[in-house]
């Protein structure tokens, strides 16, 4: 019997064509190494620690023009001849920084190649490098004087490649679904702040930046959104740690984003900035603890480590592999004070569903 091979490698020319269209010139050896890396990037780990790689590859990425426009700081670790480089070995020692919010850069200029990390530091509501590049005006793109391709791991089966004016999605699944994860992310962020009707987009951007960290920081989680005036615990969400005084991230964020403060208020600004990052870090840690984390539509943390109380319709509590069943159970509740359920599996696949209304 003759064996027929089905391989994803048949698409490699399309990937290389995409990179070439961004005016990035890769020697054949380096191109092969990049393809080998992409083939295992969705499940990448070092020392048993899972890592979600974020990379930018191109030319002139360390130039003053590029770092100024992207409001980023670049730290170069290695500069060497491209003919002598080993991409796999270099990435091995740098990719772990991605889990702390850095993006690895690979900067190619003629016969040399540089490796390092870069990150934008522009406050809670400032855009990240990806969004800044996506929103550049045509004249800014011309002054950028750099070519680039962004590589982002979305989950256990999907990689996004973004260029100057193109987006390419690598999907390793044999069967696709039509779930719009980006729309779900926006709905989740909108619902968390739905009590506020302000036209100011800065708080929403700040919360979106925190949600963007979920894929890197969380190892499986449920976040449940309720109305701000709803009393907890209730008959279903009865077992857990319920905060007598909710953690109000939005109020701290509003202080941090106050543009009316003068230079004399610098100590207060620094204090609120530090407090905001400490509280959002606390939020991420709560999400990593077993059970459900509950927030309300004023952006406040109401409870964590919460388990569903079994009733006639629910056979088990939420824990470990039962997360998905718990999320589905919450989605079907007709309580008008329930808003929506964010679910993320251990492999990084995430959904957000609003509670059924009848």
C-alpha atoms as a PDB file:
ATOM      1  CA  UNK A   1       0.000   0.000   0.000  1.00  0.00           C
ATOM      2  CA  UNK A   2       1.386   3.371  -1.024  1.00  0.00           C
ATOM      3  CA  UNK A   3       1.452   6.007   1.682  1.00  0.00           C
ATOM      4  CA  UNK A   4       0.263   9.466   0.709  1.00  0.00           C
ATOM      5  CA  UNK A   5       1.714  12.347   2.690  1.00  0.00           C
ATOM      6  CA  UNK A   6      -0.383  15.329   3.768  1.00  0.00           C
ATOM      7  CA  UNK A   7       1.920  18.148   4.867  1.00  0.00           C
ATOM      8  CA  UNK A   8       1.511  21.776   5.853  1.00  0.00           C
ATOM      9  CA  UNK A   9       4.915  22.427   4.275  1.00  0.00           C
ATOM     10  CA  UNK A  10       3.153  22.754   0.943  1.00  0.00           C
ATOM     11  CA  UNK A  11       2.224  26.292   2.012  1.00  0.00           C
ATOM     12  CA  UNK A  12       5.765  27.426   2.808  1.00  0.00           C
ATOM     13  CA  UNK A  13       6.157  29.291  -0.470  1.00  0.00           C
ATOM     14  CA  UNK A  14       3.163  31.480   0.393  1.00  0.00           C
ATOM     15  CA  UNK A  15       4.725  32.387   3.735  1.00  0.00           C
ATOM     16  CA  UNK A  16       8.052  33.235   2.154  1.00  0.00           C
ATOM     17  CA  UNK A  17       6.244  35.216  -0.533  1.00  0.00           C
ATOM     18  CA  UNK A  18       4.482  37.237   2.160  1.00  0.00           C
ATOM     19  CA  UNK A  19       7.792  38.082   3.844  1.00  0.00           C
ATOM     20  CA  UNK A  20       9.379  38.951   0.508  1.00  0.00           C
ATOM     21  CA  UNK A  21       6.484  41.307  -0.243  1.00  0.00           C
ATOM     22  CA  UNK A  22       7.415  43.260   2.888  1.00  0.00           C
ATOM     23  CA  UNK A  23      10.809  43.899   1.233  1.00  0.00           C
ATOM     24  CA  UNK A  24      12.582  41.657   3.733  1.00  0.00           C
ATOM     25  CA  UNK A  25      15.440  39.738   2.152  1.00  0.00           C
ATOM     26  CA  UNK A  26      16.153  36.400   3.838  1.00  0.00           C
ATOM     27  CA  UNK A  27      19.045  34.169   2.767  1.00  0.00           C
ATOM     28  CA  UNK A  28      17.881  30.624   2.019  1.00  0.00           C
ATOM     29  CA  UNK A  29      19.396  29.155   5.180  1.00  0.00           C
ATOM     30  CA  UNK A  30      17.765  31.770   7.396  1.00  0.00           C
ATOM     31  CA  UNK A  31      14.426  31.332   5.624  1.00  0.00           C
ATOM     32  CA  UNK A  32      14.518  27.587   6.305  1.00  0.00           C
ATOM     33  CA  UNK A  33      15.299  28.191   9.973  1.00  0.00           C
ATOM     34  CA  UNK A  34      12.401  30.635  10.226  1.00  0.00           C
ATOM     35  CA  UNK A  35       9.995  28.107   8.692  1.00  0.00           C
ATOM     36  CA  UNK A  36      11.174  25.425  11.118  1.00  0.00           C
ATOM     37  CA  UNK A  37      10.568  27.816  14.016  1.00  0.00           C
ATOM     38  CA  UNK A  38       7.061  28.709  12.799  1.00  0.00           C
ATOM     39  CA  UNK A  39       6.157  25.031  12.555  1.00  0.00           C
ATOM     40  CA  UNK A  40       6.560  24.619  16.331  1.00  0.00           C
ATOM     41  CA  UNK A  41       5.936  28.182  17.542  1.00  0.00           C
ATOM     42  CA  UNK A  42       2.360  27.509  18.718  1.00  0.00           C
ATOM     43  CA  UNK A  43       3.596  25.017  21.304  1.00  0.00           C
ATOM     44  CA  UNK A  44       6.926  26.652  22.074  1.00  0.00           C
ATOM     45  CA  UNK A  45       8.392  26.203  25.533  1.00  0.00           C
ATOM     46  CA  UNK A  46      11.706  26.447  27.360  1.00  0.00           C
ATOM     47  CA  UNK A  47      12.480  24.461  30.517  1.00  0.00           C
ATOM     48  CA  UNK A  48       8.829  23.301  30.573  1.00  0.00           C
ATOM     49  CA  UNK A  49       7.636  26.930  30.605  1.00  0.00           C
ATOM     50  CA  UNK A  50       5.171  27.757  27.848  1.00  0.00           C
ATOM     51  CA  UNK A  51       6.057  30.854  25.832  1.00  0.00           C
ATOM     52  CA  UNK A  52       3.915  32.839  23.401  1.00  0.00           C
ATOM     53  CA  UNK A  53       6.488  34.289  20.990  1.00  0.00           C
ATOM     54  CA  UNK A  54       6.058  37.841  19.691  1.00  0.00           C
ATOM     55  CA  UNK A  55       8.576  38.768  17.007  1.00  0.00           C
ATOM     56  CA  UNK A  56       9.261  41.543  14.567  1.00  0.00           C
ATOM     57  CA  UNK A  57      11.643  40.797  11.712  1.00  0.00           C
ATOM     58  CA  UNK A  58      12.834  43.349   9.175  1.00  0.00           C
ATOM     59  CA  UNK A  59      15.399  46.061   8.576  1.00  0.00           C
ATOM     60  CA  UNK A  60      16.251  49.345  10.326  1.00  0.00           C
ATOM     61  CA  UNK A  61      14.181  48.352  13.339  1.00  0.00           C
ATOM     62  CA  UNK A  62      16.633  50.027  15.728  1.00  0.00           C
ATOM     63  CA  UNK A  63      16.725  53.322  13.872  1.00  0.00           C
ATOM     64  CA  UNK A  64      15.714  56.530  15.618  1.00  0.00           C
ATOM     65  CA  UNK A  65      12.853  56.957  13.152  1.00  0.00           C
ATOM     66  CA  UNK A  66      11.374  53.539  13.883  1.00  0.00           C
ATOM     67  CA  UNK A  67      11.720  53.627  17.674  1.00  0.00           C
ATOM     68  CA  UNK A  68      10.418  57.205  17.776  1.00  0.00           C
ATOM     69  CA  UNK A  69       7.287  56.512  15.740  1.00  0.00           C
ATOM     70  CA  UNK A  70       6.546  53.258  17.608  1.00  0.00           C
ATOM     71  CA  UNK A  71       7.369  54.942  20.943  1.00  0.00           C
ATOM     72  CA  UNK A  72       9.531  51.958  21.801  1.00  0.00           C
ATOM     73  CA  UNK A  73      12.798  51.154  23.503  1.00  0.00           C
ATOM     74  CA  UNK A  74      15.092  48.619  21.841  1.00  0.00           C
ATOM     75  CA  UNK A  75      17.707  46.538  23.668  1.00  0.00           C
ATOM     76  CA  UNK A  76      20.169  44.806  21.353  1.00  0.00           C
ATOM     77  CA  UNK A  77      21.802  41.606  22.617  1.00  0.00           C
ATOM     78  CA  UNK A  78      23.692  40.252  19.613  1.00  0.00           C
ATOM     79  CA  UNK A  79      25.043  41.606  16.338  1.00  0.00           C
ATOM     80  CA  UNK A  80      26.784  39.209  13.981  1.00  0.00           C
ATOM     81  CA  UNK A  81      27.340  38.259  10.361  1.00  0.00           C
ATOM     82  CA  UNK A  82      24.207  36.772   8.882  1.00  0.00           C
ATOM     83  CA  UNK A  83      26.240  33.965   7.281  1.00  0.00           C
ATOM     84  CA  UNK A  84      27.277  32.756  10.743  1.00  0.00           C
ATOM     85  CA  UNK A  85      24.007  33.132  12.599  1.00  0.00           C
ATOM     86  CA  UNK A  86      21.938  30.331  14.108  1.00  0.00           C
ATOM     87  CA  UNK A  87      18.381  31.566  14.417  1.00  0.00           C
ATOM     88  CA  UNK A  88      17.183  28.733  16.649  1.00  0.00           C
ATOM     89  CA  UNK A  89      19.955  29.184  19.213  1.00  0.00           C
ATOM     90  CA  UNK A  90      19.527  32.956  19.311  1.00  0.00           C
ATOM     91  CA  UNK A  91      15.764  32.781  19.772  1.00  0.00           C
ATOM     92  CA  UNK A  92      16.143  30.169  22.501  1.00  0.00           C
ATOM     93  CA  UNK A  93      17.925  32.671  24.744  1.00  0.00           C
ATOM     94  CA  UNK A  94      15.668  35.648  23.966  1.00  0.00           C
ATOM     95  CA  UNK A  95      12.086  34.394  23.531  1.00  0.00           C
ATOM     96  CA  UNK A  96      11.451  33.955  27.296  1.00  0.00           C
ATOM     97  CA  UNK A  97      11.317  37.770  27.561  1.00  0.00           C
ATOM     98  CA  UNK A  98       8.109  37.694  25.492  1.00  0.00           C
ATOM     99  CA  UNK A  99       6.183  36.523  28.546  1.00  0.00           C
ATOM    100  CA  UNK A 100       7.071  39.821  30.229  1.00  0.00           C
ATOM    101  CA  UNK A 101       5.623  42.016  27.497  1.00  0.00           C
ATOM    102  CA  UNK A 102       8.701  42.361  25.263  1.00  0.00           C
ATOM    103  CA  UNK A 103       8.818  41.685  21.539  1.00  0.00           C
ATOM    104  CA  UNK A 104      11.882  40.008  20.042  1.00  0.00           C
ATOM    105  CA  UNK A 105      13.354  41.865  17.079  1.00  0.00           C
ATOM    106  CA  UNK A 106      15.469  40.437  14.267  1.00  0.00           C
ATOM    107  CA  UNK A 107      17.061  43.339  12.427  1.00  0.00           C
ATOM    108  CA  UNK A 108      18.732  42.546   9.095  1.00  0.00           C
ATOM    109  CA  UNK A 109      20.949  45.152   7.447  1.00  0.00           C
ATOM    110  CA  UNK A 110      22.974  43.995   4.439  1.00  0.00           C
ATOM    111  CA  UNK A 111      25.237  41.144   5.646  1.00  0.00           C
ATOM    112  CA  UNK A 112      24.664  41.607   9.387  1.00  0.00           C
ATOM    113  CA  UNK A 113      21.866  40.554  11.713  1.00  0.00           C
ATOM    114  CA  UNK A 114      20.959  41.843  15.171  1.00  0.00           C
ATOM    115  CA  UNK A 115      18.822  40.195  17.844  1.00  0.00           C
ATOM    116  CA  UNK A 116      17.211  41.917  20.778  1.00  0.00           C
ATOM    117  CA  UNK A 117      13.963  42.968  22.411  1.00  0.00           C
ATOM    118  CA  UNK A 118      11.767  46.042  22.123  1.00  0.00           C
ATOM    119  CA  UNK A 119       8.717  47.406  23.875  1.00  0.00           C
ATOM    120  CA  UNK A 120       6.618  50.554  23.874  1.00  0.00           C
ATOM    121  CA  UNK A 121       6.357  52.494  27.133  1.00  0.00           C
ATOM    122  CA  UNK A 122       3.514  54.958  26.716  1.00  0.00           C
ATOM    123  CA  UNK A 123       1.190  54.398  29.647  1.00  0.00           C
ATOM    124  CA  UNK A 124      -1.891  52.243  30.256  1.00  0.00           C
ATOM    125  CA  UNK A 125      -3.921  53.715  27.395  1.00  0.00           C
ATOM    126  CA  UNK A 126      -1.088  54.095  24.905  1.00  0.00           C
ATOM    127  CA  UNK A 127      -1.090  51.903  21.808  1.00  0.00           C
ATOM    128  CA  UNK A 128       1.330  49.003  21.558  1.00  0.00           C
ATOM    129  CA  UNK A 129       3.776  48.528  18.681  1.00  0.00           C
ATOM    130  CA  UNK A 130       1.314  46.458  16.632  1.00  0.00           C
ATOM    131  CA  UNK A 131      -1.490  49.022  16.891  1.00  0.00           C
ATOM    132  CA  UNK A 132       0.827  51.980  16.281  1.00  0.00           C
ATOM    133  CA  UNK A 133       2.111  50.422  13.061  1.00  0.00           C
ATOM    134  CA  UNK A 134      -1.436  49.509  11.990  1.00  0.00           C
ATOM    135  CA  UNK A 135      -2.623  53.113  12.385  1.00  0.00           C
ATOM    136  CA  UNK A 136       0.221  54.934  10.631  1.00  0.00           C
ATOM    137  CA  UNK A 137      -0.658  57.566   8.070  1.00  0.00           C
ATOM    138  CA  UNK A 138       0.880  57.249   4.608  1.00  0.00           C
ATOM    139  CA  UNK A 139       3.413  60.028   5.256  1.00  0.00           C
ATOM    140  CA  UNK A 140       4.458  58.356   8.519  1.00  0.00           C
ATOM    141  CA  UNK A 141       4.983  55.068   6.705  1.00  0.00           C
ATOM    142  CA  UNK A 142       7.270  56.830   4.249  1.00  0.00           C
ATOM    143  CA  UNK A 143       9.305  58.463   7.011  1.00  0.00           C
ATOM    144  CA  UNK A 144       9.585  55.157   8.854  1.00  0.00           C
ATOM    145  CA  UNK A 145      12.333  53.997   6.502  1.00  0.00           C
ATOM    146  CA  UNK A 146      11.981  50.417   7.744  1.00  0.00           C
ATOM    147  CA  UNK A 147      10.592  47.124   6.495  1.00  0.00           C
ATOM    148  CA  UNK A 148       8.978  44.708   8.908  1.00  0.00           C
ATOM    149  CA  UNK A 149       6.812  41.660   9.480  1.00  0.00           C
ATOM    150  CA  UNK A 150       5.188  41.035  12.842  1.00  0.00           C
ATOM    151  CA  UNK A 151       4.845  37.440  14.017  1.00  0.00           C
ATOM    152  CA  UNK A 152       2.335  36.745  16.803  1.00  0.00           C
ATOM    153  CA  UNK A 153       1.196  33.430  18.241  1.00  0.00           C
ATOM    154  CA  UNK A 154      -2.550  33.640  18.861  1.00  0.00           C
ATOM    155  CA  UNK A 155      -3.224  30.209  20.358  1.00  0.00           C
ATOM    156  CA  UNK A 156      -2.252  26.573  19.965  1.00  0.00           C
ATOM    157  CA  UNK A 157      -3.034  26.467  16.244  1.00  0.00           C
ATOM    158  CA  UNK A 158      -2.918  29.999  14.845  1.00  0.00           C
ATOM    159  CA  UNK A 159      -0.138  32.444  13.935  1.00  0.00           C
ATOM    160  CA  UNK A 160      -0.630  35.952  12.573  1.00  0.00           C
ATOM    161  CA  UNK A 161       1.844  37.614  10.233  1.00  0.00           C
ATOM    162  CA  UNK A 162       1.349  41.361   9.799  1.00  0.00           C
ATOM    163  CA  UNK A 163       3.195  43.504   7.309  1.00  0.00           C
ATOM    164  CA  UNK A 164       3.090  47.097   6.182  1.00  0.00           C
ATOM    165  CA  UNK A 165      -0.280  46.667   4.495  1.00  0.00           C
ATOM    166  CA  UNK A 166      -1.092  42.964   4.713  1.00  0.00           C
ATOM    167  CA  UNK A 167      -2.212  40.326   7.203  1.00  0.00           C
ATOM    168  CA  UNK A 168      -1.524  36.624   6.783  1.00  0.00           C
ATOM    169  CA  UNK A 169      -2.957  33.943   9.058  1.00  0.00           C
ATOM    170  CA  UNK A 170      -1.354  30.535   9.464  1.00  0.00           C
ATOM    171  CA  UNK A 171      -3.888  27.976  10.698  1.00  0.00           C
ATOM    172  CA  UNK A 172      -2.669  24.491  11.552  1.00  0.00           C
ATOM    173  CA  UNK A 173      -6.148  23.008  11.971  1.00  0.00           C
ATOM    174  CA  UNK A 174      -7.492  20.527   9.460  1.00  0.00           C
ATOM    175  CA  UNK A 175     -10.978  21.937   9.943  1.00  0.00           C
ATOM    176  CA  UNK A 176     -11.738  25.598  10.591  1.00  0.00           C
ATOM    177  CA  UNK A 177     -14.633  27.246  12.380  1.00  0.00           C
ATOM    178  CA  UNK A 178     -15.999  30.736  11.781  1.00  0.00           C
ATOM    179  CA  UNK A 179     -15.667  31.994  15.357  1.00  0.00           C
ATOM    180  CA  UNK A 180     -14.480  35.616  15.385  1.00  0.00           C
ATOM    181  CA  UNK A 181     -12.071  35.795  18.333  1.00  0.00           C
ATOM    182  CA  UNK A 182     -11.284  39.482  17.739  1.00  0.00           C
ATOM    183  CA  UNK A 183     -14.974  40.415  17.902  1.00  0.00           C
ATOM    184  CA  UNK A 184     -15.325  38.363  21.090  1.00  0.00           C
ATOM    185  CA  UNK A 185     -12.381  40.206  22.643  1.00  0.00           C
ATOM    186  CA  UNK A 186     -13.946  43.588  21.849  1.00  0.00           C
ATOM    187  CA  UNK A 187     -17.311  42.497  23.285  1.00  0.00           C
ATOM    188  CA  UNK A 188     -15.636  41.341  26.502  1.00  0.00           C
ATOM    189  CA  UNK A 189     -13.852  44.689  26.955  1.00  0.00           C
ATOM    190  CA  UNK A 190     -17.036  46.614  26.141  1.00  0.00           C
ATOM    191  CA  UNK A 191     -19.084  44.651  28.664  1.00  0.00           C
ATOM    192  CA  UNK A 192     -16.548  45.148  31.453  1.00  0.00           C
ATOM    193  CA  UNK A 193     -17.030  48.927  31.119  1.00  0.00           C
ATOM    194  CA  UNK A 194     -20.634  48.988  29.878  1.00  0.00           C
ATOM    195  CA  UNK A 195     -21.827  50.977  32.930  1.00  0.00           C
ATOM    196  CA  UNK A 196     -19.775  53.944  31.713  1.00  0.00           C
ATOM    197  CA  UNK A 197     -21.113  55.743  28.655  1.00  0.00           C
ATOM    198  CA  UNK A 198     -18.135  58.044  28.217  1.00  0.00           C
ATOM    199  CA  UNK A 199     -16.854  58.777  24.718  1.00  0.00           C
ATOM    200  CA  UNK A 200     -13.292  58.602  26.070  1.00  0.00           C
ATOM    201  CA  UNK A 201     -11.645  55.560  24.490  1.00  0.00           C
ATOM    202  CA  UNK A 202      -8.595  55.558  26.751  1.00  0.00           C
ATOM    203  CA  UNK A 203     -10.018  53.379  29.568  1.00  0.00           C
ATOM    204  CA  UNK A 204     -11.207  50.823  27.024  1.00  0.00           C
ATOM    205  CA  UNK A 205      -7.760  50.745  25.398  1.00  0.00           C
ATOM    206  CA  UNK A 206      -6.182  50.217  28.813  1.00  0.00           C
ATOM    207  CA  UNK A 207      -8.457  47.261  29.571  1.00  0.00           C
ATOM    208  CA  UNK A 208      -7.827  45.829  26.096  1.00  0.00           C
ATOM    209  CA  UNK A 209      -4.088  45.898  26.791  1.00  0.00           C
ATOM    210  CA  UNK A 210      -4.659  43.851  29.939  1.00  0.00           C
ATOM    211  CA  UNK A 211      -6.857  41.373  28.048  1.00  0.00           C
ATOM    212  CA  UNK A 212      -4.135  41.098  25.392  1.00  0.00           C
ATOM    213  CA  UNK A 213      -1.873  39.686  28.123  1.00  0.00           C
ATOM    214  CA  UNK A 214      -4.266  36.808  28.807  1.00  0.00           C
ATOM    215  CA  UNK A 215      -2.797  34.577  26.100  1.00  0.00           C
ATOM    216  CA  UNK A 216       0.680  34.987  27.613  1.00  0.00           C
ATOM    217  CA  UNK A 217      -0.122  35.034  31.312  1.00  0.00           C
ATOM    218  CA  UNK A 218      -3.061  32.678  31.793  1.00  0.00           C
ATOM    219  CA  UNK A 219      -3.002  28.898  31.871  1.00  0.00           C
ATOM    220  CA  UNK A 220      -6.741  28.361  31.588  1.00  0.00           C
ATOM    221  CA  UNK A 221      -9.377  30.598  33.127  1.00  0.00           C
ATOM    222  CA  UNK A 222     -12.990  31.773  33.405  1.00  0.00           C
ATOM    223  CA  UNK A 223     -13.901  35.420  33.887  1.00  0.00           C
ATOM    224  CA  UNK A 224     -17.569  36.137  34.522  1.00  0.00           C
ATOM    225  CA  UNK A 225     -19.118  39.606  34.062  1.00  0.00           C
ATOM    226  CA  UNK A 226     -22.087  40.718  36.159  1.00  0.00           C
ATOM    227  CA  UNK A 227     -23.942  44.008  36.669  1.00  0.00           C
ATOM    228  CA  UNK A 228     -22.318  46.391  39.129  1.00  0.00           C
ATOM    229  CA  UNK A 229     -25.320  46.581  41.507  1.00  0.00           C
ATOM    230  CA  UNK A 230     -25.802  42.818  41.721  1.00  0.00           C
ATOM    231  CA  UNK A 231     -25.339  41.250  45.168  1.00  0.00           C
ATOM    232  CA  UNK A 232     -22.939  38.310  45.461  1.00  0.00           C
ATOM    233  CA  UNK A 233     -22.831  35.484  46.389  1.00  0.00           C
ATOM    234  CA  UNK A 234     -26.035  34.078  44.948  1.00  0.00           C
ATOM    235  CA  UNK A 235     -27.561  30.612  44.720  1.00  0.00           C
ATOM    236  CA  UNK A 236     -25.267  29.539  41.853  1.00  0.00           C
ATOM    237  CA  UNK A 237     -22.078  31.468  42.595  1.00  0.00           C
ATOM    238  CA  UNK A 238     -21.984  30.599  46.266  1.00  0.00           C
ATOM    239  CA  UNK A 239     -18.563  29.128  47.020  1.00  0.00           C
ATOM    240  CA  UNK A 240     -15.464  31.300  46.730  1.00  0.00           C
ATOM    241  CA  UNK A 241     -13.721  34.447  47.908  1.00  0.00           C
ATOM    242  CA  UNK A 242     -16.113  37.392  47.589  1.00  0.00           C
ATOM    243  CA  UNK A 243     -14.610  40.817  48.184  1.00  0.00           C
ATOM    244  CA  UNK A 244     -16.457  43.020  50.654  1.00  0.00           C
ATOM    245  CA  UNK A 245     -14.801  46.003  49.011  1.00  0.00           C
ATOM    246  CA  UNK A 246     -14.422  45.372  45.253  1.00  0.00           C
ATOM    247  CA  UNK A 247     -11.050  46.179  43.694  1.00  0.00           C
ATOM    248  CA  UNK A 248     -11.813  49.235  41.577  1.00  0.00           C
ATOM    249  CA  UNK A 249      -9.277  49.272  38.764  1.00  0.00           C
ATOM    250  CA  UNK A 250     -11.277  51.818  36.771  1.00  0.00           C
ATOM    251  CA  UNK A 251     -11.012  54.539  39.436  1.00  0.00           C
ATOM    252  CA  UNK A 252      -7.254  54.066  39.712  1.00  0.00           C
ATOM    253  CA  UNK A 253      -7.053  54.119  35.915  1.00  0.00           C
ATOM    254  CA  UNK A 254      -9.053  57.360  35.752  1.00  0.00           C
ATOM    255  CA  UNK A 255      -6.542  58.970  38.123  1.00  0.00           C
ATOM    256  CA  UNK A 256      -3.672  57.663  36.030  1.00  0.00           C
ATOM    257  CA  UNK A 257      -5.192  59.096  32.847  1.00  0.00           C
ATOM    258  CA  UNK A 258      -6.024  62.495  34.349  1.00  0.00           C
ATOM    259  CA  UNK A 259      -4.586  64.977  31.859  1.00  0.00           C
ATOM    260  CA  UNK A 260      -5.312  68.010  34.055  1.00  0.00           C
ATOM    261  CA  UNK A 261      -2.557  67.260  36.526  1.00  0.00           C
ATOM    262  CA  UNK A 262       0.406  69.602  36.587  1.00  0.00           C
ATOM    263  CA  UNK A 263       4.076  68.816  36.961  1.00  0.00           C
ATOM    264  CA  UNK A 264       3.701  69.365  40.714  1.00  0.00           C
ATOM    265  CA  UNK A 265       1.452  66.303  40.839  1.00  0.00           C
ATOM    266  CA  UNK A 266       4.196  64.034  39.543  1.00  0.00           C
ATOM    267  CA  UNK A 267       4.399  61.993  42.763  1.00  0.00           C
ATOM    268  CA  UNK A 268       0.691  61.287  42.646  1.00  0.00           C
ATOM    269  CA  UNK A 269       0.895  60.358  38.959  1.00  0.00           C
ATOM    270  CA  UNK A 270       3.720  57.900  39.625  1.00  0.00           C
ATOM    271  CA  UNK A 271       1.834  56.441  42.588  1.00  0.00           C
ATOM    272  CA  UNK A 272      -1.399  55.907  40.622  1.00  0.00           C
ATOM    273  CA  UNK A 273       0.543  54.480  37.685  1.00  0.00           C
ATOM    274  CA  UNK A 274       2.280  51.966  39.939  1.00  0.00           C
ATOM    275  CA  UNK A 275      -0.986  51.128  41.703  1.00  0.00           C
ATOM    276  CA  UNK A 276      -2.737  50.502  38.377  1.00  0.00           C
ATOM    277  CA  UNK A 277      -0.073  48.035  37.237  1.00  0.00           C
ATOM    278  CA  UNK A 278      -0.066  46.311  40.644  1.00  0.00           C
ATOM    279  CA  UNK A 279      -3.850  45.851  40.571  1.00  0.00           C
ATOM    280  CA  UNK A 280      -3.944  44.574  36.997  1.00  0.00           C
ATOM    281  CA  UNK A 281      -1.160  42.154  37.935  1.00  0.00           C
ATOM    282  CA  UNK A 282      -3.305  41.021  40.848  1.00  0.00           C
ATOM    283  CA  UNK A 283      -6.207  40.507  38.443  1.00  0.00           C
ATOM    284  CA  UNK A 284      -4.068  38.254  36.245  1.00  0.00           C
ATOM    285  CA  UNK A 285      -2.975  36.189  39.233  1.00  0.00           C
ATOM    286  CA  UNK A 286      -6.597  35.756  40.337  1.00  0.00           C
ATOM    287  CA  UNK A 287      -7.510  34.545  36.864  1.00  0.00           C
ATOM    288  CA  UNK A 288      -4.816  31.877  37.127  1.00  0.00           C
ATOM    289  CA  UNK A 289      -6.245  30.517  40.380  1.00  0.00           C
ATOM    290  CA  UNK A 290      -8.690  27.638  40.004  1.00  0.00           C
ATOM    291  CA  UNK A 291     -12.345  28.594  39.755  1.00  0.00           C
ATOM    292  CA  UNK A 292     -14.109  31.651  38.362  1.00  0.00           C
ATOM    293  CA  UNK A 293     -13.014  35.278  38.641  1.00  0.00           C
ATOM    294  CA  UNK A 294     -15.954  37.695  38.705  1.00  0.00           C
ATOM    295  CA  UNK A 295     -15.855  41.304  37.529  1.00  0.00           C
ATOM    296  CA  UNK A 296     -18.687  43.767  37.090  1.00  0.00           C
ATOM    297  CA  UNK A 297     -19.530  46.259  34.362  1.00  0.00           C
ATOM    298  CA  UNK A 298     -17.759  49.050  36.226  1.00  0.00           C
ATOM    299  CA  UNK A 299     -14.453  47.253  35.745  1.00  0.00           C
ATOM    300  CA  UNK A 300     -14.257  46.135  39.377  1.00  0.00           C
ATOM    301  CA  UNK A 301     -13.035  42.762  40.632  1.00  0.00           C
ATOM    302  CA  UNK A 302     -15.818  41.286  42.763  1.00  0.00           C
ATOM    303  CA  UNK A 303     -14.645  37.754  43.532  1.00  0.00           C
ATOM    304  CA  UNK A 304     -12.226  34.982  42.595  1.00  0.00           C
ATOM    305  CA  UNK A 305     -11.687  31.268  43.248  1.00  0.00           C
ATOM    306  CA  UNK A 306     -15.465  30.916  42.873  1.00  0.00           C
ATOM    307  CA  UNK A 307     -17.104  27.555  42.243  1.00  0.00           C
ATOM    308  CA  UNK A 308     -20.553  26.832  40.901  1.00  0.00           C
ATOM    309  CA  UNK A 309     -22.938  25.410  43.451  1.00  0.00           C
ATOM    310  CA  UNK A 310     -24.511  22.246  42.016  1.00  0.00           C
ATOM    311  CA  UNK A 311     -28.248  22.165  41.563  1.00  0.00           C
ATOM    312  CA  UNK A 312     -30.723  19.997  39.719  1.00  0.00           C
ATOM    313  CA  UNK A 313     -29.316  21.062  36.344  1.00  0.00           C
ATOM    314  CA  UNK A 314     -25.599  21.089  37.136  1.00  0.00           C
ATOM    315  CA  UNK A 315     -23.924  17.822  37.933  1.00  0.00           C
ATOM    316  CA  UNK A 316     -20.477  19.099  38.917  1.00  0.00           C
ATOM    317  CA  UNK A 317     -18.532  22.069  40.166  1.00  0.00           C
ATOM    318  CA  UNK A 318     -15.919  23.924  38.149  1.00  0.00           C
ATOM    319  CA  UNK A 319     -12.337  22.711  38.393  1.00  0.00           C
ATOM    320  CA  UNK A 320      -9.612  21.622  36.033  1.00  0.00           C
ATOM    321  CA  UNK A 321     -11.094  20.121  32.870  1.00  0.00           C
ATOM    322  CA  UNK A 322     -14.600  21.147  33.959  1.00  0.00           C
ATOM    323  CA  UNK A 323     -14.009  24.801  33.093  1.00  0.00           C
ATOM    324  CA  UNK A 324     -15.643  24.570  29.706  1.00  0.00           C
ATOM    325  CA  UNK A 325     -18.745  22.884  31.151  1.00  0.00           C
ATOM    326  CA  UNK A 326     -18.966  25.573  33.821  1.00  0.00           C
ATOM    327  CA  UNK A 327     -18.682  28.335  31.228  1.00  0.00           C
ATOM    328  CA  UNK A 328     -21.430  26.771  29.118  1.00  0.00           C
ATOM    329  CA  UNK A 329     -23.615  26.379  32.180  1.00  0.00           C
ATOM    330  CA  UNK A 330     -23.261  30.076  33.083  1.00  0.00           C
ATOM    331  CA  UNK A 331     -24.042  31.140  29.517  1.00  0.00           C
ATOM    332  CA  UNK A 332     -27.445  29.465  29.733  1.00  0.00           C
ATOM    333  CA  UNK A 333     -28.562  31.102  32.979  1.00  0.00           C
ATOM    334  CA  UNK A 334     -31.476  33.531  32.577  1.00  0.00           C
ATOM    335  CA  UNK A 335     -30.437  35.792  35.426  1.00  0.00           C
ATOM    336  CA  UNK A 336     -30.735  39.377  34.035  1.00  0.00           C
ATOM    337  CA  UNK A 337     -27.787  40.419  36.220  1.00  0.00           C
ATOM    338  CA  UNK A 338     -25.436  38.044  34.407  1.00  0.00           C
ATOM    339  CA  UNK A 339     -23.732  39.630  31.381  1.00  0.00           C
ATOM    340  CA  UNK A 340     -21.138  37.332  29.819  1.00  0.00           C
ATOM    341  CA  UNK A 341     -18.534  34.589  30.193  1.00  0.00           C
ATOM    342  CA  UNK A 342     -14.890  34.710  29.064  1.00  0.00           C
ATOM    343  CA  UNK A 343     -13.331  31.260  28.755  1.00  0.00           C
ATOM    344  CA  UNK A 344      -9.721  30.410  27.975  1.00  0.00           C
ATOM    345  CA  UNK A 345      -8.473  26.850  27.734  1.00  0.00           C
ATOM    346  CA  UNK A 346      -4.989  25.755  28.740  1.00  0.00           C
ATOM    347  CA  UNK A 347      -3.883  25.783  25.098  1.00  0.00           C
ATOM    348  CA  UNK A 348      -4.798  29.481  24.786  1.00  0.00           C
ATOM    349  CA  UNK A 349      -8.035  29.129  22.816  1.00  0.00           C
ATOM    350  CA  UNK A 350     -10.415  31.836  24.071  1.00  0.00           C
ATOM    351  CA  UNK A 351     -14.109  32.643  23.693  1.00  0.00           C
ATOM    352  CA  UNK A 352     -16.506  35.221  25.072  1.00  0.00           C
ATOM    353  CA  UNK A 353     -20.235  34.605  25.043  1.00  0.00           C
ATOM    354  CA  UNK A 354     -22.964  36.857  26.344  1.00  0.00           C
ATOM    355  CA  UNK A 355     -25.510  35.235  28.616  1.00  0.00           C
ATOM    356  CA  UNK A 356     -28.650  34.020  26.860  1.00  0.00           C
ATOM    357  CA  UNK A 357     -31.589  36.431  26.997  1.00  0.00           C
ATOM    358  CA  UNK A 358     -35.136  35.176  26.480  1.00  0.00           C
END
